[in-house]
Amino acid sequence: MNELFRGEQLVCCHDRDTGLRAVIAVDDTRLGPAVGGVRMKAYPGELAAITEAQRLAAGMTLKNAAAGLPFGGGKSVILADDALRPQDRAQVLRAFGRFVARLGGSYIPGVDMGTSVADLAVVGTVAPRVACAESDPSPWTALGVHAGIRAAIAHLGGRDLHGVRVAIQGAGHVGAELARLLAVDGAHVIVADVDPARARLVAARIGGEAVAAGRIMGVECDVFAPCAVAKVVDTTTAGSLGCRVLAGAANDQLADRRTATALAEAGVLNVPDFLINSGGVVQIYASMQGWDDDRLRPEVLAIGDRVAAVLDSARHDNVSPLEAAEALAHRRLTESQAIPA
């Protein structure tokens, strides 16, 4: 099948008045409306934007299904070649919201790279339903990743995180909060970011260590936690990682499926990103249900239980953790088709 037809719906948006160019990818709605963030950044071309939207939407399908949520998978990207003035940004976001509205609720946008809670509030002035318009899901994403890292270390025989060395790539909202949580547990945290000052600030706050962005993947550590860009590990770099565990918040961390095999051959335990980084989308569901933080917290911590179960299943069935996590998600998608409408 042509890659352009890999999902259920692909919408290319162009608004002449504001200059908006955007792509909305609805990958799968078998479990419910497609939920996924709005990414805003520059792309080398329109095809690159379409490809990324579809790839990330497919990842959201797996993430929402594996988390047991009544959501399908979707994603959108806004092509932003230049920095927008605040007034222009608001106009572009409202134009984007009008395209979302035309989908009749089949896609619910949230925050992602390059967008904020305030941005989603603007989209929500014209779109029928948005996520993250009132609160930032980043702390909950970090909490889920933290729980998943604990589960991975336990899977390898560790008792707790005291003295465990964790290298975090990316000191943004999620990476910084993850660093704090790990430090509270007694881990030694090494932080890197494309903004060296930000990395130093985060490290200073938690009593950790900052290194140059180009060094972080080779740092000798127990856990490497990508919390920034996608496709950070490929078949070449898999063998040169200085870690025992790959577990972070970034989406789509592996360059391709062959990388999962390369990691296993290198003795690196890979915790699939869509399994461990679902805390933010769990928070979105909680917000829709009116849950308070006390009700939400155990649901996010349950990510650790799912990680443990998938790693045990992978070991038992002699498959990669990626294959085991995908099987979990696909079982839920298949079961949904057996439920009468």
Foldseek 3Di string as FASTA:
>chain_A
DPPLVQADDKDWDADPVLRKTKIKTARDALLHAAEEAEAEEADPDPVRQRVVFNVQQVLSQLLCLLLVHSHHGMYMYIHDPDDDDPVSLLVNLCSVLQVQQVVVRSYAYEHDHPDALCSQLSSVVRHVHYFSVPHDLLLQLLLLLLLQVQLVCVVVPDDFQAAFEEEEEACPSNRLNNLQVSLVRNHAYEYEYCPQVSRVVSCVVSVHHYDYNVCRQQDQGAEYAYDDEAQQFELVSLLRGNYQEYTYQYAHNHPDPVRLVSNVVSNHQYQHNSLRRSRSVLVRVCVVVVHDPVVSSVSSSCSSVSSNVLVVVCVVVVHHSVVSSSVSSVVSSVVSVVDDD
